[in-house]
Amino acid sequence: MDKKEIVKDLLAQLNTELEKAKAAYNTAKNTTQDADNKAESKWDTRSIEAGYLAGAQKVRVDELEMDINVIEELSDSALNKKPTVGIGSLVEIKHNDTVRKYFIAPAAGGFMVNIGGEVALVISVFSPIGNEVLDLVDGDSFEVETGDNTREYEVISYT
């Protein structure tokens, strides 16, 4: 899997999400200013609720813009193989006899990328797995606590 293609696909997905978030923000913002939503009584809170929604949508827009900036700043050297797993690494991790690919990103975790039929999950270094896998090498194991359970993982390979 070409890591430059992963970054390109991730940026495309982030930009799509950003456009959706901007549209939702504009809709919510316009709703707060719409004369039809003017309070008809002291219990009518449509405009106030739309304002809260607009505020939350604005936060989402800001977060996506920040994620895009951080991902765009990934240099080619960040995508090169390092002595240990780090930001920009593509890692194969085994859990319960299932091997999955993860791309370690500085932000924007949770996106799936599909490059040439191969799928990888983008995880940030702030996620439980992303944090634990940092600085490991092939064959290393690590554990992640999830509520009352502890899950064990193994690094199969990384690039």
N, C-alpha and C. Protein backbone atom coordinates (compact mmCIF):
# COMPACT_ATOMS: atom_id res chain seq x y z
N MET A 1 0.84 -1.18 0.00
CA MET A 1 0.00 0.00 0.00
C MET A 1 0.88 1.24 0.00
N ASP A 2 0.64 2.13 -0.91
CA ASP A 2 1.42 3.36 -1.03
C ASP A 2 0.90 4.38 -0.01
N LYS A 3 1.76 4.79 0.90
CA LYS A 3 1.34 5.71 1.96
C LYS A 3 1.00 7.10 1.42
N LYS A 4 1.61 7.50 0.32
CA LYS A 4 1.24 8.78 -0.29
C LYS A 4 -0.20 8.72 -0.80
N GLU A 5 -0.60 7.57 -1.31
CA GLU A 5 -1.99 7.39 -1.77
C GLU A 5 -2.95 7.38 -0.58
N ILE A 6 -2.51 6.83 0.54
CA ILE A 6 -3.33 6.85 1.75
C ILE A 6 -3.60 8.29 2.16
N VAL A 7 -2.55 9.10 2.19
CA VAL A 7 -2.69 10.51 2.58
C VAL A 7 -3.60 11.24 1.60
N LYS A 8 -3.43 10.97 0.31
CA LYS A 8 -4.26 11.61 -0.72
C LYS A 8 -5.74 11.24 -0.52
N ASP A 9 -6.02 9.96 -0.30
CA ASP A 9 -7.40 9.50 -0.08
C ASP A 9 -7.97 10.10 1.20
N LEU A 10 -7.17 10.12 2.25
CA LEU A 10 -7.62 10.69 3.53
C LEU A 10 -7.96 12.17 3.37
N LEU A 11 -7.12 12.91 2.67
CA LEU A 11 -7.39 14.34 2.45
C LEU A 11 -8.67 14.54 1.64
N ALA A 12 -8.91 13.69 0.66
CA ALA A 12 -10.14 13.79 -0.12
C ALA A 12 -11.36 13.57 0.77
N GLN A 13 -11.28 12.56 1.64
CA GLN A 13 -12.39 12.30 2.56
C GLN A 13 -12.60 13.45 3.54
N LEU A 14 -11.50 13.98 4.06
CA LEU A 14 -11.60 15.11 5.00
C LEU A 14 -12.21 16.33 4.33
N ASN A 15 -11.81 16.61 3.10
CA ASN A 15 -12.38 17.76 2.39
C ASN A 15 -13.87 17.57 2.10
N THR A 16 -14.28 16.35 1.80
CA THR A 16 -15.71 16.07 1.61
C THR A 16 -16.47 16.31 2.91
N GLU A 17 -15.93 15.81 4.02
CA GLU A 17 -16.56 16.02 5.33
C GLU A 17 -16.61 17.51 5.68
N LEU A 18 -15.55 18.23 5.33
CA LEU A 18 -15.51 19.66 5.61
C LEU A 18 -16.62 20.39 4.86
N GLU A 19 -16.82 20.05 3.60
CA GLU A 19 -17.88 20.70 2.83
C GLU A 19 -19.25 20.41 3.43
N LYS A 20 -19.47 19.17 3.87
CA LYS A 20 -20.74 18.82 4.51
C LYS A 20 -20.92 19.60 5.82
N ALA A 21 -19.85 19.70 6.60
CA ALA A 21 -19.91 20.41 7.88
C ALA A 21 -20.17 21.89 7.66
N LYS A 22 -19.54 22.47 6.64
CA LYS A 22 -19.77 23.89 6.34
C LYS A 22 -21.23 24.12 5.94
N ALA A 23 -21.78 23.23 5.14
CA ALA A 23 -23.18 23.36 4.73
C ALA A 23 -24.11 23.25 5.93
N ALA A 24 -23.82 22.31 6.82
CA ALA A 24 -24.65 22.15 8.02
C ALA A 24 -24.54 23.37 8.92
N TYR A 25 -23.34 23.91 9.04
CA TYR A 25 -23.14 25.12 9.85
C TYR A 25 -23.93 26.29 9.27
N ASN A 26 -23.83 26.48 7.97
CA ASN A 26 -24.55 27.59 7.33
C ASN A 26 -26.06 27.44 7.48
N THR A 27 -26.55 26.23 7.36
CA THR A 27 -27.99 25.98 7.53
C THR A 27 -28.41 26.32 8.96
N ALA A 28 -27.65 25.84 9.94
CA ALA A 28 -28.00 26.11 11.34
C ALA A 28 -27.89 27.60 11.65
N LYS A 29 -26.85 28.24 11.12
CA LYS A 29 -26.67 29.67 11.36
C LYS A 29 -27.83 30.47 10.75
N ASN A 30 -28.22 30.11 9.55
CA ASN A 30 -29.34 30.80 8.89
C ASN A 30 -30.65 30.57 9.64
N THR A 31 -30.79 29.39 10.23
CA THR A 31 -31.99 29.08 11.00
C THR A 31 -32.12 30.01 12.20
N THR A 32 -30.99 30.34 12.81
CA THR A 32 -31.05 31.23 13.99
C THR A 32 -31.51 32.62 13.60
N GLN A 33 -31.27 33.00 12.35
CA GLN A 33 -31.60 34.35 11.90
C GLN A 33 -32.92 34.42 11.13
N ASP A 34 -33.53 33.28 10.91
CA ASP A 34 -34.77 33.21 10.13
C ASP A 34 -35.94 33.79 10.93
N ALA A 35 -36.69 34.66 10.31
CA ALA A 35 -37.84 35.30 10.98
C ALA A 35 -38.89 34.27 11.40
N ASP A 36 -38.98 33.16 10.67
CA ASP A 36 -39.95 32.12 11.03
C ASP A 36 -39.62 31.46 12.36
N ASN A 37 -38.38 31.58 12.80
CA ASN A 37 -37.97 30.95 14.05
C ASN A 37 -37.95 31.92 15.23
N LYS A 38 -38.49 33.08 15.03
CA LYS A 38 -38.57 34.05 16.11
C LYS A 38 -39.47 33.47 17.20
N ALA A 39 -39.05 33.62 18.43
CA ALA A 39 -39.80 33.06 19.55
C ALA A 39 -41.22 33.61 19.59
N GLU A 40 -42.18 32.69 19.68
CA GLU A 40 -43.59 33.06 19.77
C GLU A 40 -44.04 33.18 21.21
N SER A 41 -43.26 32.61 22.11
CA SER A 41 -43.53 32.71 23.54
C SER A 41 -42.22 32.53 24.28
N LYS A 42 -42.25 32.70 25.59
CA LYS A 42 -40.99 32.57 26.34
C LYS A 42 -40.51 31.13 26.40
N TRP A 43 -41.39 30.18 26.04
CA TRP A 43 -41.00 28.77 26.04
C TRP A 43 -40.53 28.29 24.67
N ASP A 44 -40.65 29.11 23.68
CA ASP A 44 -40.26 28.76 22.32
C ASP A 44 -38.75 28.97 22.18
N THR A 45 -38.02 27.87 22.05
CA THR A 45 -36.55 27.94 22.05
C THR A 45 -35.93 27.51 20.72
N ARG A 46 -36.70 27.51 19.65
CA ARG A 46 -36.17 27.05 18.36
C ARG A 46 -34.90 27.81 17.95
N SER A 47 -34.94 29.11 18.07
CA SER A 47 -33.79 29.92 17.66
C SER A 47 -32.59 29.66 18.55
N ILE A 48 -32.84 29.53 19.85
CA ILE A 48 -31.74 29.25 20.79
C ILE A 48 -31.12 27.90 20.47
N GLU A 49 -31.95 26.89 20.25
CA GLU A 49 -31.44 25.55 19.94
C GLU A 49 -30.68 25.55 18.62
N ALA A 50 -31.16 26.29 17.65
CA ALA A 50 -30.44 26.39 16.37
C ALA A 50 -29.08 27.06 16.58
N GLY A 51 -29.03 28.01 17.51
CA GLY A 51 -27.77 28.66 17.84
C GLY A 51 -26.77 27.69 18.44
N TYR A 52 -27.26 26.82 19.34
CA TYR A 52 -26.38 25.79 19.92
C TYR A 52 -25.87 24.85 18.83
N LEU A 53 -26.77 24.46 17.93
CA LEU A 53 -26.39 23.58 16.84
C LEU A 53 -25.36 24.25 15.93
N ALA A 54 -25.58 25.52 15.63
CA ALA A 54 -24.63 26.26 14.79
C ALA A 54 -23.26 26.31 15.45
N GLY A 55 -23.25 26.53 16.76
CA GLY A 55 -21.98 26.56 17.49
C GLY A 55 -21.25 25.24 17.42
N ALA A 56 -21.98 24.14 17.58
CA ALA A 56 -21.37 22.82 17.51
C ALA A 56 -20.87 22.53 16.09
N GLN A 57 -21.64 22.93 15.09
CA GLN A 57 -21.21 22.72 13.71
C GLN A 57 -19.96 23.53 13.40
N LYS A 58 -19.86 24.72 13.95
CA LYS A 58 -18.67 25.56 13.74
C LYS A 58 -17.44 24.89 14.35
N VAL A 59 -17.61 24.28 15.52
CA VAL A 59 -16.50 23.55 16.15
C VAL A 59 -16.06 22.42 15.24
N ARG A 60 -17.01 21.69 14.65
CA ARG A 60 -16.68 20.59 13.75
C ARG A 60 -15.93 21.10 12.51
N VAL A 61 -16.37 22.22 11.95
CA VAL A 61 -15.68 22.82 10.81
C VAL A 61 -14.24 23.15 11.19
N ASP A 62 -14.06 23.77 12.35
CA ASP A 62 -12.71 24.14 12.81
C ASP A 62 -11.83 22.91 13.01
N GLU A 63 -12.40 21.85 13.59
CA GLU A 63 -11.63 20.62 13.81
C GLU A 63 -11.20 20.00 12.49
N LEU A 64 -12.11 19.94 11.53
CA LEU A 64 -11.77 19.37 10.22
C LEU A 64 -10.71 20.20 9.51
N GLU A 65 -10.81 21.52 9.58
CA GLU A 65 -9.79 22.37 8.96
C GLU A 65 -8.43 22.14 9.61
N MET A 66 -8.41 21.98 10.93
CA MET A 66 -7.15 21.71 11.62
C MET A 66 -6.60 20.34 11.21
N ASP A 67 -7.46 19.31 11.15
CA ASP A 67 -7.02 17.98 10.73
C ASP A 67 -6.43 18.02 9.33
N ILE A 68 -7.08 18.73 8.43
CA ILE A 68 -6.58 18.84 7.05
C ILE A 68 -5.20 19.49 7.04
N ASN A 69 -5.03 20.56 7.79
CA ASN A 69 -3.73 21.23 7.85
C ASN A 69 -2.65 20.31 8.38
N VAL A 70 -2.96 19.55 9.43
CA VAL A 70 -1.98 18.65 10.03
C VAL A 70 -1.61 17.54 9.05
N ILE A 71 -2.59 16.96 8.38
CA ILE A 71 -2.31 15.88 7.43
C ILE A 71 -1.54 16.41 6.22
N GLU A 72 -1.87 17.61 5.75
CA GLU A 72 -1.14 18.20 4.62
C GLU A 72 0.32 18.45 4.97
N GLU A 73 0.61 18.65 6.23
CA GLU A 73 1.99 18.92 6.65
C GLU A 73 2.83 17.66 6.80
N LEU A 74 2.23 16.48 6.64
CA LEU A 74 3.03 15.25 6.70
C LEU A 74 4.04 15.28 5.55
N SER A 75 5.29 15.26 5.89
CA SER A 75 6.33 15.31 4.87
C SER A 75 6.60 13.91 4.32
N ASP A 76 7.29 13.87 3.19
CA ASP A 76 7.67 12.58 2.64
C ASP A 76 8.53 11.80 3.62
N SER A 77 9.37 12.49 4.37
CA SER A 77 10.23 11.80 5.34
C SER A 77 9.40 11.18 6.46
N ALA A 78 8.26 11.79 6.80
CA ALA A 78 7.39 11.22 7.83
C ALA A 78 6.78 9.91 7.35
N LEU A 79 6.68 9.74 6.04
CA LEU A 79 6.10 8.52 5.49
C LEU A 79 7.13 7.42 5.27
N ASN A 80 8.42 7.75 5.39
CA ASN A 80 9.47 6.74 5.26
C ASN A 80 9.49 5.84 6.49
N LYS A 81 9.95 4.59 6.29
CA LYS A 81 10.03 3.66 7.41
C LYS A 81 11.03 4.18 8.43
N LYS A 82 10.65 4.06 9.68
CA LYS A 82 11.49 4.50 10.80
C LYS A 82 11.98 3.27 11.56
N PRO A 83 12.90 3.46 12.50
CA PRO A 83 13.37 2.31 13.29
C PRO A 83 12.25 1.66 14.11
N THR A 84 11.24 2.46 14.49
CA THR A 84 10.09 1.95 15.23
C THR A 84 8.81 2.56 14.64
N VAL A 85 7.67 2.03 15.03
CA VAL A 85 6.39 2.55 14.56
C VAL A 85 6.24 4.00 15.02
N GLY A 86 5.79 4.86 14.12
CA GLY A 86 5.58 6.26 14.45
C GLY A 86 4.53 6.87 13.54
N ILE A 87 4.38 8.18 13.63
CA ILE A 87 3.44 8.88 12.75
C ILE A 87 3.85 8.64 11.30
N GLY A 88 2.89 8.27 10.48
CA GLY A 88 3.16 7.97 9.08
C GLY A 88 3.42 6.50 8.81
N SER A 89 3.41 5.68 9.85
CA SER A 89 3.63 4.24 9.66
C SER A 89 2.34 3.55 9.24
N LEU A 90 2.48 2.55 8.39
CA LEU A 90 1.39 1.65 8.05
C LEU A 90 1.71 0.35 8.77
N VAL A 91 0.82 -0.04 9.69
CA VAL A 91 1.11 -1.15 10.60
C VAL A 91 0.09 -2.27 10.42
N GLU A 92 0.59 -3.50 10.33
CA GLU A 92 -0.30 -4.66 10.37
C GLU A 92 -0.32 -5.15 11.81
N ILE A 93 -1.52 -5.21 12.38
CA ILE A 93 -1.68 -5.58 13.78
C ILE A 93 -2.62 -6.77 13.87
N LYS A 94 -2.22 -7.76 14.67
CA LYS A 94 -3.04 -8.96 14.85
C LYS A 94 -3.75 -8.90 16.19
N HIS A 95 -5.05 -9.24 16.15
CA HIS A 95 -5.87 -9.37 17.36
C HIS A 95 -6.83 -10.52 17.14
N ASN A 96 -6.81 -11.51 18.03
CA ASN A 96 -7.69 -12.68 17.90
C ASN A 96 -7.58 -13.34 16.52
N ASP A 97 -6.37 -13.57 16.08
CA ASP A 97 -6.10 -14.24 14.80
C ASP A 97 -6.56 -13.46 13.57
N THR A 98 -6.92 -12.20 13.74
CA THR A 98 -7.29 -11.35 12.62
C THR A 98 -6.25 -10.25 12.47
N VAL A 99 -5.73 -10.10 11.25
CA VAL A 99 -4.73 -9.08 10.98
C VAL A 99 -5.40 -7.93 10.22
N ARG A 100 -5.19 -6.72 10.74
CA ARG A 100 -5.74 -5.52 10.10
C ARG A 100 -4.62 -4.52 9.90
N LYS A 101 -4.83 -3.65 8.90
CA LYS A 101 -3.86 -2.59 8.62
C LYS A 101 -4.34 -1.28 9.21
N TYR A 102 -3.41 -0.56 9.81
CA TYR A 102 -3.69 0.74 10.41
C TYR A 102 -2.66 1.74 9.91
N PHE A 103 -3.12 2.92 9.54
CA PHE A 103 -2.22 4.02 9.20
C PHE A 103 -2.19 4.95 10.40
N ILE A 104 -1.00 5.20 10.94
CA ILE A 104 -0.85 6.03 12.13
C ILE A 104 -0.73 7.49 11.70
N ALA A 105 -1.72 8.29 12.08
CA ALA A 105 -1.78 9.69 11.67
C ALA A 105 -1.69 10.60 12.90
N PRO A 106 -1.26 11.84 12.69
CA PRO A 106 -1.21 12.78 13.80
C PRO A 106 -2.59 13.30 14.19
N ALA A 107 -3.58 13.09 13.32
CA ALA A 107 -4.96 13.55 13.55
C ALA A 107 -5.87 12.78 12.60
N ALA A 108 -7.16 13.06 12.65
CA ALA A 108 -8.15 12.54 11.69
C ALA A 108 -8.35 11.03 11.77
N GLY A 109 -8.33 10.47 12.95
CA GLY A 109 -8.58 9.05 13.09
C GLY A 109 -10.02 8.69 12.79
N GLY A 110 -10.23 7.43 12.42
CA GLY A 110 -11.57 6.92 12.20
C GLY A 110 -11.96 6.77 10.75
N PHE A 111 -11.15 7.23 9.84
CA PHE A 111 -11.46 7.10 8.42
C PHE A 111 -10.90 5.79 7.88
N MET A 112 -11.62 5.20 6.93
CA MET A 112 -11.14 4.00 6.24
C MET A 112 -10.63 4.44 4.87
N VAL A 113 -9.49 3.90 4.49
CA VAL A 113 -8.97 4.17 3.15
C VAL A 113 -8.90 2.85 2.39
N ASN A 114 -9.19 2.91 1.11
CA ASN A 114 -9.15 1.74 0.25
C ASN A 114 -8.26 2.08 -0.93
N ILE A 115 -7.09 1.49 -0.95
CA ILE A 115 -6.11 1.75 -2.00
C ILE A 115 -5.88 0.44 -2.75
N GLY A 116 -6.33 0.42 -3.99
CA GLY A 116 -6.13 -0.77 -4.82
C GLY A 116 -6.74 -2.03 -4.23
N GLY A 117 -7.86 -1.90 -3.56
CA GLY A 117 -8.52 -3.06 -2.96
C GLY A 117 -8.03 -3.42 -1.57
N GLU A 118 -6.99 -2.76 -1.11
CA GLU A 118 -6.51 -2.98 0.26
C GLU A 118 -7.09 -1.91 1.16
N VAL A 119 -7.57 -2.32 2.32
CA VAL A 119 -8.23 -1.40 3.24
C VAL A 119 -7.37 -1.20 4.49
N ALA A 120 -7.31 0.05 4.93
CA ALA A 120 -6.62 0.37 6.19
C ALA A 120 -7.47 1.36 6.96
N LEU A 121 -7.43 1.25 8.26
CA LEU A 121 -8.11 2.19 9.13
C LEU A 121 -7.10 3.24 9.57
N VAL A 122 -7.47 4.50 9.43
CA VAL A 122 -6.62 5.59 9.89
C VAL A 122 -6.89 5.78 11.38
N ILE A 123 -5.84 5.70 12.19
CA ILE A 123 -5.99 5.96 13.62
C ILE A 123 -5.00 7.04 14.02
N SER A 124 -5.41 7.87 14.94
CA SER A 124 -4.52 8.93 15.40
C SER A 124 -3.67 8.42 16.55
N VAL A 125 -2.62 9.14 16.82
CA VAL A 125 -1.74 8.78 17.93
C VAL A 125 -2.43 8.99 19.27
N PHE A 126 -3.59 9.64 19.25
CA PHE A 126 -4.33 9.88 20.48
C PHE A 126 -5.34 8.78 20.79
N SER A 127 -5.51 7.84 19.86
CA SER A 127 -6.41 6.71 20.09
C SER A 127 -5.69 5.68 20.96
N PRO A 128 -6.44 4.80 21.63
CA PRO A 128 -5.78 3.80 22.48
C PRO A 128 -4.77 2.93 21.72
N ILE A 129 -5.15 2.41 20.56
CA ILE A 129 -4.21 1.58 19.79
C ILE A 129 -3.08 2.43 19.24
N GLY A 130 -3.41 3.59 18.68
CA GLY A 130 -2.39 4.47 18.12
C GLY A 130 -1.34 4.88 19.14
N ASN A 131 -1.76 5.13 20.36
CA ASN A 131 -0.84 5.51 21.42
C ASN A 131 0.05 4.34 21.84
N GLU A 132 -0.55 3.17 21.98
CA GLU A 132 0.20 2.00 22.46
C GLU A 132 1.18 1.44 21.45
N VAL A 133 0.88 1.59 20.15
CA VAL A 133 1.73 0.98 19.12
C VAL A 133 2.98 1.82 18.82
N LEU A 134 2.98 3.08 19.25
CA LEU A 134 4.14 3.94 19.00
C LEU A 134 5.40 3.34 19.59
N ASP A 135 6.48 3.44 18.84
CA ASP A 135 7.82 3.00 19.25
C ASP A 135 7.98 1.48 19.34
N LEU A 136 7.02 0.72 18.81
CA LEU A 136 7.16 -0.74 18.80
C LEU A 136 7.77 -1.18 17.47
N VAL A 137 8.15 -2.46 17.40
CA VAL A 137 8.71 -3.05 16.18
C VAL A 137 8.00 -4.37 15.91
N ASP A 138 8.32 -4.97 14.75
CA ASP A 138 7.73 -6.26 14.39
C ASP A 138 7.86 -7.25 15.54
N GLY A 139 6.76 -7.96 15.83
CA GLY A 139 6.79 -8.98 16.87
C GLY A 139 6.44 -8.49 18.25
N ASP A 140 6.46 -7.18 18.48
CA ASP A 140 6.10 -6.65 19.80
C ASP A 140 4.60 -6.81 20.05
N SER A 141 4.26 -7.04 21.31
CA SER A 141 2.87 -7.13 21.72
C SER A 141 2.54 -5.95 22.61
N PHE A 142 1.26 -5.62 22.66
CA PHE A 142 0.80 -4.56 23.56
C PHE A 142 -0.64 -4.83 23.95
N GLU A 143 -1.07 -4.20 25.03
CA GLU A 143 -2.43 -4.38 25.52
C GLU A 143 -3.15 -3.04 25.55
N VAL A 144 -4.46 -3.13 25.32
CA VAL A 144 -5.32 -1.95 25.40
C VAL A 144 -6.49 -2.30 26.30
N GLU A 145 -6.70 -1.48 27.32
CA GLU A 145 -7.83 -1.69 28.22
C GLU A 145 -9.08 -1.05 27.62
N THR A 146 -10.16 -1.83 27.56
CA THR A 146 -11.44 -1.34 27.06
C THR A 146 -12.50 -1.67 28.10
N GLY A 147 -12.76 -0.71 28.96
CA GLY A 147 -13.73 -0.95 30.03
C GLY A 147 -13.20 -1.99 30.99
N ASP A 148 -13.93 -3.10 31.10
CA ASP A 148 -13.53 -4.18 32.01
C ASP A 148 -12.61 -5.19 31.35
N ASN A 149 -12.37 -5.05 30.06
CA ASN A 149 -11.57 -6.02 29.32
C ASN A 149 -10.20 -5.46 28.95
N THR A 150 -9.27 -6.37 28.76
CA THR A 150 -7.96 -6.02 28.23
C THR A 150 -7.77 -6.81 26.95
N ARG A 151 -7.47 -6.10 25.87
CA ARG A 151 -7.26 -6.75 24.58
C ARG A 151 -5.77 -6.77 24.27
N GLU A 152 -5.32 -7.91 23.77
CA GLU A 152 -3.90 -8.05 23.43
C GLU A 152 -3.73 -8.01 21.91
N TYR A 153 -2.73 -7.26 21.48
CA TYR A 153 -2.44 -7.07 20.06
C TYR A 153 -0.97 -7.39 19.81
N GLU A 154 -0.66 -7.71 18.55
CA GLU A 154 0.72 -7.96 18.16
C GLU A 154 1.02 -7.22 16.86
N VAL A 155 2.16 -6.55 16.82
CA VAL A 155 2.61 -5.89 15.60
C VAL A 155 3.19 -6.97 14.69
N ILE A 156 2.57 -7.18 13.55
CA ILE A 156 3.05 -8.17 12.59
C ILE A 156 4.14 -7.56 11.72
N SER A 157 3.86 -6.37 11.17
CA SER A 157 4.85 -5.67 10.36
C SER A 157 4.46 -4.20 10.27
N TYR A 158 5.41 -3.39 9.84
CA TYR A 158 5.13 -1.97 9.61
C TYR A 158 6.07 -1.44 8.55
N THR A 159 5.61 -0.38 7.88
CA THR A 159 6.45 0.30 6.89
C THR A 159 6.40 1.78 7.16
